[in-house]
Amino acid sequence: MRSVISQYTLDKQKAPQSLEDLIPAGYIKQLPKDPFTTMPTGPPTRKTHHGGDQQEPGIVDVIARRT
């Protein structure tokens, strides 16, 4: 997921605003399940990017859910 988020960010010059943005853009077919819980992927980590013209926060990472 991290590499897909990074590739989207490089290609689009902005981070995805949600993990769902990766689907219609063709980066993934569906949201993957967390390997520990089999639930949908854990909550995304949002940060503000300071590269180029991008000033709005976006998704930069995902974390595994803990039960």
PDB file of N, CA and C in Angstrom:
ATOM      1  N   MET A   1       0.830  -1.190   0.000  1.00  0.00           N
ATOM      2  CA  MET A   1       0.000   0.000   0.000  1.00  0.00           C
ATOM      3  C   MET A   1       0.873   1.252   0.000  1.00  0.00           C
ATOM      4  N   ARG A   2       1.964   1.212   0.764  1.00  0.00           N
ATOM      5  CA  ARG A   2       2.824   2.397   0.822  1.00  0.00           C
ATOM      6  C   ARG A   2       3.366   2.764  -0.556  1.00  0.00           C
ATOM      7  N   SER A   3       3.798   1.758  -1.306  1.00  0.00           N
ATOM      8  CA  SER A   3       4.361   2.053  -2.626  1.00  0.00           C
ATOM      9  C   SER A   3       3.286   2.568  -3.582  1.00  0.00           C
ATOM     10  N   VAL A   4       2.070   2.044  -3.472  1.00  0.00           N
ATOM     11  CA  VAL A   4       0.970   2.517  -4.323  1.00  0.00           C
ATOM     12  C   VAL A   4       0.620   3.961  -3.969  1.00  0.00           C
ATOM     13  N   ILE A   5       0.570   4.281  -2.695  1.00  0.00           N
ATOM     14  CA  ILE A   5       0.288   5.648  -2.260  1.00  0.00           C
ATOM     15  C   ILE A   5       1.381   6.584  -2.763  1.00  0.00           C
ATOM     16  N   SER A   6       2.636   6.159  -2.651  1.00  0.00           N
ATOM     17  CA  SER A   6       3.749   6.978  -3.132  1.00  0.00           C
ATOM     18  C   SER A   6       3.676   7.189  -4.635  1.00  0.00           C
ATOM     19  N   GLN A   7       3.370   6.135  -5.386  1.00  0.00           N
ATOM     20  CA  GLN A   7       3.291   6.250  -6.835  1.00  0.00           C
ATOM     21  C   GLN A   7       2.161   7.187  -7.252  1.00  0.00           C
ATOM     22  N   TYR A   8       0.997   7.049  -6.605  1.00  0.00           N
ATOM     23  CA  TYR A   8      -0.137   7.953  -6.865  1.00  0.00           C
ATOM     24  C   TYR A   8       0.304   9.398  -6.623  1.00  0.00           C
ATOM     25  N   THR A   9       0.969   9.633  -5.493  1.00  0.00           N
ATOM     26  CA  THR A   9       1.401  10.978  -5.123  1.00  0.00           C
ATOM     27  C   THR A   9       2.367  11.547  -6.154  1.00  0.00           C
ATOM     28  N   LEU A  10       3.303  10.731  -6.611  1.00  0.00           N
ATOM     29  CA  LEU A  10       4.243  11.188  -7.639  1.00  0.00           C
ATOM     30  C   LEU A  10       3.534  11.478  -8.956  1.00  0.00           C
ATOM     31  N   ASP A  11       2.663  10.573  -9.366  1.00  0.00           N
ATOM     32  CA  ASP A  11       1.960  10.729 -10.644  1.00  0.00           C
ATOM     33  C   ASP A  11       1.014  11.920 -10.653  1.00  0.00           C
ATOM     34  N   LYS A  12       0.256  12.081  -9.584  1.00  0.00           N
ATOM     35  CA  LYS A  12      -0.785  13.106  -9.531  1.00  0.00           C
ATOM     36  C   LYS A  12      -0.307  14.431  -8.937  1.00  0.00           C
ATOM     37  N   GLN A  13       0.911  14.442  -8.388  1.00  0.00           N
ATOM     38  CA  GLN A  13       1.460  15.630  -7.720  1.00  0.00           C
ATOM     39  C   GLN A  13       0.628  16.051  -6.518  1.00  0.00           C
ATOM     40  N   LYS A  14      -0.084  15.090  -5.939  1.00  0.00           N
ATOM     41  CA  LYS A  14      -0.819  15.309  -4.695  1.00  0.00           C
ATOM     42  C   LYS A  14      -1.127  13.938  -4.110  1.00  0.00           C
ATOM     43  N   ALA A  15      -1.218  13.903  -2.805  1.00  0.00           N
ATOM     44  CA  ALA A  15      -1.525  12.645  -2.126  1.00  0.00           C
ATOM     45  C   ALA A  15      -3.008  12.340  -2.247  1.00  0.00           C
ATOM     46  N   PRO A  16      -3.382  11.054  -2.236  1.00  0.00           N
ATOM     47  CA  PRO A  16      -4.808  10.731  -2.254  1.00  0.00           C
ATOM     48  C   PRO A  16      -5.484  11.248  -0.986  1.00  0.00           C
ATOM     49  N   GLN A  17      -6.714  11.684  -1.112  1.00  0.00           N
ATOM     50  CA  GLN A  17      -7.458  12.177   0.035  1.00  0.00           C
ATOM     51  C   GLN A  17      -8.096  11.045   0.824  1.00  0.00           C
ATOM     52  N   SER A  18      -8.237   9.891   0.190  1.00  0.00           N
ATOM     53  CA  SER A  18      -8.731   8.694   0.863  1.00  0.00           C
ATOM     54  C   SER A  18      -8.143   7.495   0.147  1.00  0.00           C
ATOM     55  N   LEU A  19      -8.161   6.354   0.801  1.00  0.00           N
ATOM     56  CA  LEU A  19      -7.665   5.137   0.161  1.00  0.00           C
ATOM     57  C   LEU A  19      -8.538   4.769  -1.030  1.00  0.00           C
ATOM     58  N   GLU A  20      -9.805   5.121  -0.968  1.00  0.00           N
ATOM     59  CA  GLU A  20     -10.725   4.822  -2.058  1.00  0.00           C
ATOM     60  C   GLU A  20     -10.351   5.557  -3.339  1.00  0.00           C
ATOM     61  N   ASP A  21      -9.616   6.670  -3.247  1.00  0.00           N
ATOM     62  CA  ASP A  21      -9.170   7.401  -4.439  1.00  0.00           C
ATOM     63  C   ASP A  21      -8.279   6.542  -5.329  1.00  0.00           C
ATOM     64  N   LEU A  22      -7.623   5.550  -4.749  1.00  0.00           N
ATOM     65  CA  LEU A  22      -6.704   4.697  -5.505  1.00  0.00           C
ATOM     66  C   LEU A  22      -7.433   3.753  -6.457  1.00  0.00           C
ATOM     67  N   ILE A  23      -8.704   3.468  -6.177  1.00  0.00           N
ATOM     68  CA  ILE A  23      -9.456   2.500  -6.990  1.00  0.00           C
ATOM     69  C   ILE A  23      -9.826   3.070  -8.360  1.00  0.00           C
ATOM     70  N   PRO A  24     -10.577   4.173  -8.446  1.00  0.00           N
ATOM     71  CA  PRO A  24     -10.941   4.667  -9.777  1.00  0.00           C
ATOM     72  C   PRO A  24      -9.738   5.169 -10.581  1.00  0.00           C
ATOM     73  N   ALA A  25      -8.664   5.522  -9.881  1.00  0.00           N
ATOM     74  CA  ALA A  25      -7.461   5.981 -10.574  1.00  0.00           C
ATOM     75  C   ALA A  25      -6.677   4.810 -11.171  1.00  0.00           C
ATOM     76  N   GLY A  26      -7.079   3.576 -10.832  1.00  0.00           N
ATOM     77  CA  GLY A  26      -6.472   2.393 -11.418  1.00  0.00           C
ATOM     78  C   GLY A  26      -5.225   1.877 -10.704  1.00  0.00           C
ATOM     79  N   TYR A  27      -4.961   2.342  -9.507  1.00  0.00           N
ATOM     80  CA  TYR A  27      -3.786   1.890  -8.775  1.00  0.00           C
ATOM     81  C   TYR A  27      -4.027   0.578  -8.036  1.00  0.00           C
ATOM     82  N   ILE A  28      -5.259   0.345  -7.613  1.00  0.00           N
ATOM     83  CA  ILE A  28      -5.656  -0.921  -6.999  1.00  0.00           C
ATOM     84  C   ILE A  28      -7.069  -1.254  -7.468  1.00  0.00           C
ATOM     85  N   LYS A  29      -7.444  -2.534  -7.380  1.00  0.00           N
ATOM     86  CA  LYS A  29      -8.796  -2.949  -7.791  1.00  0.00           C
ATOM     87  C   LYS A  29      -9.790  -2.832  -6.648  1.00  0.00           C
ATOM     88  N   GLN A  30      -9.326  -3.077  -5.425  1.00  0.00           N
ATOM     89  CA  GLN A  30     -10.173  -2.959  -4.236  1.00  0.00           C
ATOM     90  C   GLN A  30      -9.274  -2.735  -3.037  1.00  0.00           C
ATOM     91  N   LEU A  31      -9.858  -2.290  -1.940  1.00  0.00           N
ATOM     92  CA  LEU A  31      -9.066  -2.094  -0.734  1.00  0.00           C
ATOM     93  C   LEU A  31      -8.663  -3.450  -0.174  1.00  0.00           C
ATOM     94  N   PRO A  32      -7.388  -3.631   0.125  1.00  0.00           N
ATOM     95  CA  PRO A  32      -6.941  -4.915   0.665  1.00  0.00           C
ATOM     96  C   PRO A  32      -7.388  -5.091   2.112  1.00  0.00           C
ATOM     97  N   LYS A  33      -7.435  -6.328   2.534  1.00  0.00           N
ATOM     98  CA  LYS A  33      -7.769  -6.612   3.929  1.00  0.00           C
ATOM     99  C   LYS A  33      -6.491  -6.614   4.766  1.00  0.00           C
ATOM    100  N   ASP A  34      -6.623  -6.187   6.006  1.00  0.00           N
ATOM    101  CA  ASP A  34      -5.513  -6.208   6.944  1.00  0.00           C
ATOM    102  C   ASP A  34      -5.115  -7.662   7.170  1.00  0.00           C
ATOM    103  N   PRO A  35      -3.849  -8.025   7.031  1.00  0.00           N
ATOM    104  CA  PRO A  35      -3.446  -9.423   7.176  1.00  0.00           C
ATOM    105  C   PRO A  35      -3.602  -9.969   8.593  1.00  0.00           C
ATOM    106  N   PHE A  36      -3.685  -9.087   9.591  1.00  0.00           N
ATOM    107  CA  PHE A  36      -3.813  -9.543  10.970  1.00  0.00           C
ATOM    108  C   PHE A  36      -5.255  -9.792  11.381  1.00  0.00           C
ATOM    109  N   THR A  37      -6.165  -8.994  10.845  1.00  0.00           N
ATOM    110  CA  THR A  37      -7.554  -9.072  11.306  1.00  0.00           C
ATOM    111  C   THR A  37      -8.529  -9.491  10.223  1.00  0.00           C
ATOM    112  N   THR A  38      -8.099  -9.505   8.977  1.00  0.00           N
ATOM    113  CA  THR A  38      -8.928  -9.717   7.790  1.00  0.00           C
ATOM    114  C   THR A  38     -10.019  -8.658   7.647  1.00  0.00           C
ATOM    115  N   MET A  39      -9.898  -7.569   8.374  1.00  0.00           N
ATOM    116  CA  MET A  39     -10.786  -6.418   8.237  1.00  0.00           C
ATOM    117  C   MET A  39     -10.203  -5.531   7.137  1.00  0.00           C
ATOM    118  N   PRO A  40     -10.964  -4.555   6.643  1.00  0.00           N
ATOM    119  CA  PRO A  40     -10.381  -3.626   5.672  1.00  0.00           C
ATOM    120  C   PRO A  40      -9.118  -2.981   6.234  1.00  0.00           C
ATOM    121  N   THR A  41      -8.250  -2.548   5.344  1.00  0.00           N
ATOM    122  CA  THR A  41      -6.973  -1.965   5.732  1.00  0.00           C
ATOM    123  C   THR A  41      -7.158  -0.925   6.823  1.00  0.00           C
ATOM    124  N   GLY A  42      -6.177  -0.865   7.717  1.00  0.00           N
ATOM    125  CA  GLY A  42      -6.222   0.043   8.859  1.00  0.00           C
ATOM    126  C   GLY A  42      -6.346   1.504   8.469  1.00  0.00           C
ATOM    127  N   PRO A  43      -6.532   2.347   9.454  1.00  0.00           N
ATOM    128  CA  PRO A  43      -6.753   3.764   9.174  1.00  0.00           C
ATOM    129  C   PRO A  43      -5.532   4.390   8.515  1.00  0.00           C
ATOM    130  N   PRO A  44      -5.752   5.285   7.566  1.00  0.00           N
ATOM    131  CA  PRO A  44      -4.629   5.937   6.904  1.00  0.00           C
ATOM    132  C   PRO A  44      -3.983   6.983   7.801  1.00  0.00           C
ATOM    133  N   THR A  45      -2.726   7.264   7.540  1.00  0.00           N
ATOM    134  CA  THR A  45      -2.015   8.330   8.225  1.00  0.00           C
ATOM    135  C   THR A  45      -2.037   9.542   7.321  1.00  0.00           C
ATOM    136  N   ARG A  46      -2.550  10.638   7.819  1.00  0.00           N
ATOM    137  CA  ARG A  46      -2.618  11.874   7.023  1.00  0.00           C
ATOM    138  C   ARG A  46      -1.501  12.811   7.455  1.00  0.00           C
ATOM    139  N   LYS A  47      -0.879  13.430   6.461  1.00  0.00           N
ATOM    140  CA  LYS A  47       0.137  14.431   6.734  1.00  0.00           C
ATOM    141  C   LYS A  47       0.041  15.507   5.671  1.00  0.00           C
ATOM    142  N   THR A  48       0.592  16.655   5.971  1.00  0.00           N
ATOM    143  CA  THR A  48       0.676  17.718   4.981  1.00  0.00           C
ATOM    144  C   THR A  48       1.993  17.569   4.248  1.00  0.00           C
ATOM    145  N   HIS A  49       1.942  17.616   2.930  1.00  0.00           N
ATOM    146  CA  HIS A  49       3.145  17.520   2.117  1.00  0.00           C
ATOM    147  C   HIS A  49       3.692  18.918   1.900  1.00  0.00           C
ATOM    148  N   HIS A  50       5.000  19.003   1.813  1.00  0.00           N
ATOM    149  CA  HIS A  50       5.637  20.300   1.624  1.00  0.00           C
ATOM    150  C   HIS A  50       6.451  20.333   0.339  1.00  0.00           C
ATOM    151  N   GLY A  51       6.032  19.562  -0.652  1.00  0.00           N
ATOM    152  CA  GLY A  51       6.738  19.556  -1.918  1.00  0.00           C
ATOM    153  C   GLY A  51       5.893  20.196  -3.001  1.00  0.00           C
ATOM    154  N   GLY A  52       6.523  20.922  -3.897  1.00  0.00           N
ATOM    155  CA  GLY A  52       5.799  21.534  -5.004  1.00  0.00           C
ATOM    156  C   GLY A  52       4.741  22.501  -4.522  1.00  0.00           C
ATOM    157  N   ASP A  53       3.603  22.512  -5.205  1.00  0.00           N
ATOM    158  CA  ASP A  53       2.503  23.409  -4.862  1.00  0.00           C
ATOM    159  C   ASP A  53       1.534  22.794  -3.867  1.00  0.00           C
ATOM    160  N   GLN A  54       1.791  21.571  -3.468  1.00  0.00           N
ATOM    161  CA  GLN A  54       0.819  20.871  -2.638  1.00  0.00           C
ATOM    162  C   GLN A  54       0.783  21.433  -1.222  1.00  0.00           C
ATOM    163  N   GLN A  55      -0.373  21.884  -0.816  1.00  0.00           N
ATOM    164  CA  GLN A  55      -0.561  22.423   0.518  1.00  0.00           C
ATOM    165  C   GLN A  55      -1.618  21.664   1.306  1.00  0.00           C
ATOM    166  N   GLU A  56      -2.433  20.859   0.633  1.00  0.00           N
ATOM    167  CA  GLU A  56      -3.488  20.153   1.342  1.00  0.00           C
ATOM    168  C   GLU A  56      -2.978  18.806   1.858  1.00  0.00           C
ATOM    169  N   PRO A  57      -3.466  18.383   3.011  1.00  0.00           N
ATOM    170  CA  PRO A  57      -3.039  17.102   3.559  1.00  0.00           C
ATOM    171  C   PRO A  57      -3.554  15.949   2.714  1.00  0.00           C
ATOM    172  N   GLY A  58      -2.911  14.827   2.827  1.00  0.00           N
ATOM    173  CA  GLY A  58      -3.341  13.649   2.102  1.00  0.00           C
ATOM    174  C   GLY A  58      -2.861  12.389   2.787  1.00  0.00           C
ATOM    175  N   ILE A  59      -3.213  11.255   2.234  1.00  0.00           N
ATOM    176  CA  ILE A  59      -2.838   9.967   2.797  1.00  0.00           C
ATOM    177  C   ILE A  59      -1.384   9.676   2.429  1.00  0.00           C
ATOM    178  N   VAL A  60      -0.584   9.289   3.403  1.00  0.00           N
ATOM    179  CA  VAL A  60       0.808   8.956   3.137  1.00  0.00           C
ATOM    180  C   VAL A  60       1.169   7.538   3.572  1.00  0.00           C
ATOM    181  N   ASP A  61       0.325   6.888   4.359  1.00  0.00           N
ATOM    182  CA  ASP A  61       0.654   5.570   4.887  1.00  0.00           C
ATOM    183  C   ASP A  61      -0.608   4.935   5.448  1.00  0.00           C
ATOM    184  N   VAL A  62      -0.559   3.628   5.678  1.00  0.00           N
ATOM    185  CA  VAL A  62      -1.623   2.918   6.378  1.00  0.00           C
ATOM    186  C   VAL A  62      -0.995   2.110   7.495  1.00  0.00           C
ATOM    187  N   ILE A  63      -1.778   1.810   8.512  1.00  0.00           N
ATOM    188  CA  ILE A  63      -1.273   1.017   9.621  1.00  0.00           C
ATOM    189  C   ILE A  63      -2.141  -0.228   9.787  1.00  0.00           C
ATOM    190  N   ALA A  64      -1.543  -1.264  10.345  1.00  0.00           N
ATOM    191  CA  ALA A  64      -2.299  -2.477  10.620  1.00  0.00           C
ATOM    192  C   ALA A  64      -3.166  -2.261  11.855  1.00  0.00           C
ATOM    193  N   ARG A  65      -4.374  -2.773  11.809  1.00  0.00           N
ATOM    194  CA  ARG A  65      -5.260  -2.675  12.973  1.00  0.00           C
ATOM    195  C   ARG A  65      -4.801  -3.688  14.015  1.00  0.00           C
ATOM    196  N   ARG A  66      -4.927  -3.325  15.238  1.00  0.00           N
ATOM    197  CA  ARG A  66      -4.597  -4.230  16.344  1.00  0.00           C
ATOM    198  C   ARG A  66      -5.886  -4.602  17.060  1.00  0.00           C
ATOM    199  N   THR A  67      -6.036  -5.851  17.371  1.00  0.00           N
ATOM    200  CA  THR A  67      -7.264  -6.277  18.065  1.00  0.00           C
ATOM    201  C   THR A  67      -7.080  -6.287  19.556  1.00  0.00           C
TER     202      THR A  67
END
